[in-house]
Amino acid sequence: MAPSARALPAVNNDVYSTLGARWYDAADDPVALLRAESRLRNPWLAAHIARTFGNEPCSVLDIGCGGGFLTNYLATLGHRVTGLDEAADSLEVAARHDGSGAVTYDRGDALKLPYDDACFDVVCAMDFLEHVEDPERVVSEAARVLKPAGLFFFHTFNRNWLSWLVIIKGVEWFVKNTPQDMHVLHLFLKPKEVAAMCKRQGLVTGQVLGSRPKLSGAFFEMLLKREVPADFAFVFSESTTLGFTGYARKLPA
């Protein structure tokens, strides 16, 4: 008998409720890779916001904000930022690291956002779509709360054997304290699938970039020590085989 969807492993999202100060401090944990990813993506995302909206502060929602790497960054640029997450512990950490003191942190469900229609200029779902069983519902909710011509940003992982080898097994092998099922392959998404979800929800996909680790001394140090050096970095690439970052724009009214 063919295996059912119930036989597939469930993604382990509980880990994000146990990190505490390790969100910002740990090198011996995959959260250090998230910090490195945010150093690449945050300026790219902010630049797209500026090109679209000029110098005016925007209302931004970050779905699955975790420890606040993106929310707190955008707040320092003057944007009106709301971070939403189900993990109360993560929200407490994010709030402690909010140097602006201006971010609103809400505990809530990404599949049923507690916000009115058309109330945000920008909605982000970074490293999030691969953590839910129904990613299109997240995209639908993002589109609902976006204002006409607003921007939806996303980052997720491609579903193929190489991403399984690098993103799942590679992290397990070469980064200490990687929890089991932190990522599961069947929840990874192909770029064309994300684009189709966006299209069905009235969002037109724009730029999509691949990303990969930068092959530097820090990369090889991680392989040897199983810890992520502070100067470990990611770079954008033309290939979306591993991870990909992009945006879509809501159709004008």
Protein backbone atom coordinates (compact mmCIF):
# COMPACT_ATOMS: atom_id res chain seq x y z
CA MET A 1 0.00 0.00 0.00
CA ALA A 2 1.33 3.41 -0.93
CA PRO A 3 2.30 5.60 2.06
CA SER A 4 -0.26 8.25 2.98
CA ALA A 5 0.41 11.89 3.72
CA ARG A 6 0.04 11.00 7.42
CA ALA A 7 3.16 8.83 7.17
CA LEU A 8 5.30 11.83 6.28
CA PRO A 9 7.31 13.36 9.16
CA ALA A 10 5.91 16.46 10.81
CA VAL A 11 8.12 19.52 10.88
CA ASN A 12 9.49 20.30 14.34
CA ASN A 13 8.50 23.90 15.08
CA ASP A 14 8.75 23.47 18.85
CA VAL A 15 12.47 24.24 18.75
CA TYR A 16 11.73 27.94 18.25
CA SER A 17 10.06 28.08 21.66
CA THR A 18 13.19 26.86 23.44
CA LEU A 19 16.00 29.04 22.06
CA GLY A 20 15.85 31.97 24.47
CA ALA A 21 19.04 34.04 24.38
CA ARG A 22 20.50 31.57 21.86
CA TRP A 23 18.57 33.40 19.11
CA TYR A 24 21.31 36.05 19.21
CA ASP A 25 24.21 34.31 20.94
CA ALA A 26 24.56 30.69 19.85
CA ALA A 27 27.14 29.56 17.31
CA ASP A 28 26.54 25.84 17.93
CA ASP A 29 22.98 25.91 16.61
CA PRO A 30 21.23 26.35 13.23
CA VAL A 31 19.82 29.65 14.48
CA ALA A 32 23.26 31.07 13.68
CA LEU A 33 22.55 30.28 10.03
CA LEU A 34 19.31 32.27 10.29
CA ARG A 35 21.28 35.25 11.56
CA ALA A 36 23.65 34.95 8.61
CA GLU A 37 20.75 34.70 6.15
CA SER A 38 19.16 37.82 7.60
CA ARG A 39 22.37 39.79 7.10
CA LEU A 40 22.08 39.08 3.38
CA ARG A 41 18.34 39.47 2.91
CA ASN A 42 17.42 42.36 5.17
CA PRO A 43 19.21 45.09 3.16
CA TRP A 44 17.88 43.61 -0.12
CA LEU A 45 14.35 43.66 1.21
CA ALA A 46 14.68 47.20 2.59
CA ALA A 47 16.03 48.41 -0.76
CA HIS A 48 12.99 47.02 -2.59
CA ILE A 49 10.68 48.75 -0.12
CA ALA A 50 12.49 52.04 -0.67
CA ARG A 51 12.33 51.71 -4.46
CA THR A 52 8.60 51.05 -4.29
CA PHE A 53 7.49 53.48 -1.60
CA GLY A 54 10.26 56.07 -1.52
CA ASN A 55 11.37 57.44 1.82
CA GLU A 56 7.95 57.24 3.44
CA PRO A 57 7.69 54.91 6.45
CA CYS A 58 5.67 51.81 5.60
CA SER A 59 3.45 49.58 7.67
CA VAL A 60 5.11 46.15 7.67
CA LEU A 61 3.94 42.77 8.95
CA ASP A 62 6.53 40.03 9.50
CA ILE A 63 4.79 36.63 9.70
CA GLY A 64 6.74 34.11 11.75
CA CYS A 65 9.06 36.82 13.00
CA GLY A 66 10.94 34.56 15.40
CA GLY A 67 13.62 36.43 17.35
CA GLY A 68 13.05 39.64 15.40
CA PHE A 69 16.01 39.70 13.01
CA LEU A 70 13.96 41.37 10.26
CA THR A 71 11.42 43.28 12.32
CA ASN A 72 13.99 45.05 14.45
CA TYR A 73 16.12 45.87 11.42
CA LEU A 74 13.24 47.48 9.54
CA ALA A 75 12.20 49.42 12.64
CA THR A 76 15.64 51.05 12.78
CA LEU A 77 14.92 52.38 9.27
CA GLY A 78 11.77 54.11 10.51
CA HIS A 79 9.11 51.66 9.31
CA ARG A 80 6.04 50.85 11.42
CA VAL A 81 6.61 47.16 12.03
CA THR A 82 4.48 44.39 13.48
CA GLY A 83 5.94 40.96 14.20
CA LEU A 84 3.67 37.94 14.54
CA ASP A 85 4.61 34.52 15.87
CA GLU A 86 3.01 31.65 17.78
CA ALA A 87 6.02 31.21 20.07
CA ALA A 88 5.72 33.51 23.08
CA ASP A 89 9.36 32.88 24.00
CA SER A 90 10.56 34.09 20.60
CA LEU A 91 8.44 37.23 20.86
CA GLU A 92 9.93 38.04 24.26
CA VAL A 93 13.45 37.71 22.86
CA ALA A 94 12.56 39.84 19.84
CA ALA A 95 11.10 42.57 22.01
CA ARG A 96 14.20 42.64 24.22
CA HIS A 97 16.34 43.26 21.14
CA ASP A 98 14.12 45.98 19.69
CA GLY A 99 16.45 48.97 19.93
CA SER A 100 13.79 51.27 18.47
CA GLY A 101 11.23 50.37 21.12
CA ALA A 102 8.63 50.82 18.38
CA VAL A 103 7.91 47.29 17.09
CA THR A 104 4.54 45.76 17.93
CA TYR A 105 4.88 42.06 18.71
CA ASP A 106 1.72 39.94 18.56
CA ARG A 107 1.16 36.30 19.30
CA GLY A 108 -1.09 34.81 16.65
CA ASP A 109 -1.82 32.30 13.91
CA ALA A 110 -0.41 32.87 10.41
CA LEU A 111 -3.35 30.93 8.96
CA LYS A 112 -5.82 33.37 10.49
CA LEU A 113 -4.16 36.74 10.84
CA PRO A 114 -5.73 38.98 13.51
CA TYR A 115 -5.69 42.06 11.28
CA ASP A 116 -8.14 43.90 9.06
CA ASP A 117 -8.14 43.66 5.28
CA ALA A 118 -5.74 45.92 3.38
CA CYS A 119 -3.92 47.37 6.38
CA PHE A 120 -0.22 46.75 5.57
CA ASP A 121 2.04 48.10 2.82
CA VAL A 122 4.40 45.15 3.15
CA VAL A 123 3.99 41.57 4.40
CA CYS A 124 6.95 39.21 4.87
CA ALA A 125 7.13 35.43 5.30
CA MET A 126 10.83 34.69 5.51
CA ASP A 127 11.90 31.10 6.28
CA PHE A 128 8.28 30.36 7.08
CA LEU A 129 6.32 28.77 4.23
CA GLU A 130 8.23 25.50 4.64
CA HIS A 131 7.08 25.28 8.27
CA VAL A 132 3.34 24.94 7.62
CA GLU A 133 1.23 22.23 5.99
CA ASP A 134 -0.89 24.77 4.09
CA PRO A 135 1.47 27.45 2.73
CA GLU A 136 -1.10 28.80 0.28
CA ARG A 137 -3.33 29.78 3.17
CA VAL A 138 -0.45 31.88 4.51
CA VAL A 139 -0.11 33.52 1.10
CA SER A 140 -3.89 34.07 1.01
CA GLU A 141 -3.87 35.75 4.41
CA ALA A 142 -0.87 37.86 3.43
CA ALA A 143 -2.69 39.01 0.31
CA ARG A 144 -5.82 39.79 2.33
CA VAL A 145 -4.06 42.13 4.75
CA LEU A 146 -1.96 43.78 2.02
CA LYS A 147 -3.03 47.12 0.63
CA PRO A 148 -3.45 47.32 -3.17
CA ALA A 149 -0.01 47.52 -4.81
CA GLY A 150 1.58 46.29 -1.57
CA LEU A 151 4.59 43.94 -1.49
CA PHE A 152 4.77 40.35 -0.26
CA PHE A 153 8.29 39.05 0.46
CA PHE A 154 9.16 35.39 0.92
CA HIS A 155 12.10 33.09 1.41
CA THR A 156 11.87 29.30 1.40
CA PHE A 157 13.66 26.17 0.15
CA ASN A 158 13.37 24.28 -3.10
CA ARG A 159 12.18 20.67 -3.06
CA ASN A 160 14.74 18.37 -4.67
CA TRP A 161 17.40 15.85 -3.73
CA LEU A 162 20.20 18.42 -3.53
CA SER A 163 18.32 20.68 -1.11
CA TRP A 164 17.59 17.57 0.99
CA LEU A 165 21.29 16.78 1.02
CA VAL A 166 22.50 20.33 1.78
CA ILE A 167 19.70 22.03 3.74
CA ILE A 168 18.52 19.05 5.76
CA LYS A 169 21.30 16.48 6.04
CA GLY A 170 24.19 18.92 5.66
CA VAL A 171 22.98 21.06 8.53
CA GLU A 172 22.43 17.95 10.67
CA TRP A 173 25.96 16.76 9.94
CA PHE A 174 27.86 20.04 10.19
CA VAL A 175 26.03 22.16 12.80
CA LYS A 176 25.79 21.02 16.41
CA ASN A 177 22.44 20.85 18.20
CA THR A 178 20.39 20.58 15.01
CA PRO A 179 17.03 19.15 16.09
CA GLN A 180 15.44 16.27 14.25
CA ASP A 181 12.92 17.34 11.59
CA MET A 182 13.74 21.02 11.85
CA HIS A 183 13.04 20.89 8.11
CA VAL A 184 11.24 18.14 6.18
CA LEU A 185 11.55 17.76 2.45
CA HIS A 186 7.88 17.37 1.57
CA LEU A 187 7.17 20.90 2.88
CA PHE A 188 9.83 22.49 0.68
CA LEU A 189 8.39 24.40 -2.28
CA LYS A 190 9.43 24.83 -5.88
CA PRO A 191 9.64 28.43 -7.16
CA LYS A 192 6.89 27.76 -9.71
CA GLU A 193 4.62 26.53 -6.90
CA VAL A 194 5.10 29.71 -4.89
CA ALA A 195 4.52 31.82 -8.01
CA ALA A 196 1.30 29.90 -8.71
CA MET A 197 0.09 30.41 -5.15
CA CYS A 198 0.78 34.12 -5.44
CA LYS A 199 -1.04 34.35 -8.77
CA ARG A 200 -4.14 32.64 -7.39
CA GLN A 201 -4.21 35.15 -4.56
CA GLY A 202 -3.90 38.23 -6.77
CA LEU A 203 -0.16 38.71 -6.37
CA VAL A 204 2.22 39.15 -9.30
CA THR A 205 5.67 37.68 -8.69
CA GLY A 206 8.64 39.93 -9.33
CA GLN A 207 12.32 39.23 -8.74
CA VAL A 208 13.28 35.80 -7.39
CA LEU A 209 16.88 35.11 -6.40
CA GLY A 210 18.64 31.96 -5.33
CA SER A 211 21.02 31.88 -2.40
CA ARG A 212 23.80 29.68 -1.11
CA PRO A 213 26.58 29.75 1.51
CA LYS A 214 29.61 31.82 0.60
CA LEU A 215 32.59 29.53 0.07
CA SER A 216 35.02 31.23 2.43
CA GLY A 217 37.24 30.37 5.34
CA ALA A 218 34.26 30.66 7.65
CA PHE A 219 32.38 28.04 5.62
CA PHE A 220 35.18 25.48 5.91
CA GLU A 221 35.68 26.34 9.59
CA MET A 222 32.04 25.39 10.16
CA LEU A 223 32.59 22.04 8.45
CA LEU A 224 35.52 21.31 10.75
CA LYS A 225 34.18 22.60 14.07
CA ARG A 226 30.41 22.13 13.53
CA GLU A 227 29.87 25.69 14.74
CA VAL A 228 28.88 28.74 12.67
CA PRO A 229 31.55 31.49 12.78
CA ALA A 230 30.42 35.08 13.23
CA ASP A 231 31.64 35.94 9.71
CA PHE A 232 29.81 33.05 8.01
CA ALA A 233 27.84 34.51 5.09
CA PHE A 234 25.33 33.74 2.40
CA VAL A 235 25.32 35.18 -1.12
CA PHE A 236 22.63 35.54 -3.75
CA SER A 237 22.96 33.36 -6.84
CA GLU A 238 21.22 32.76 -10.14
CA SER A 239 20.39 29.19 -9.16
CA THR A 240 17.28 28.58 -7.05
CA THR A 241 18.16 24.92 -6.52
CA LEU A 242 18.68 25.34 -2.75
CA GLY A 243 16.89 28.35 -1.29
CA PHE A 244 15.19 31.26 -2.97
CA THR A 245 14.08 34.75 -1.98
CA GLY A 246 11.58 36.86 -3.84
CA TYR A 247 8.68 39.24 -3.77
CA ALA A 248 5.27 39.62 -5.32
CA ARG A 249 3.10 42.70 -5.67
CA LYS A 250 -0.62 42.86 -5.02
CA LEU A 251 -2.63 44.00 -7.98
CA PRO A 252 -3.91 47.58 -7.70
CA ALA A 253 -7.58 48.00 -6.83
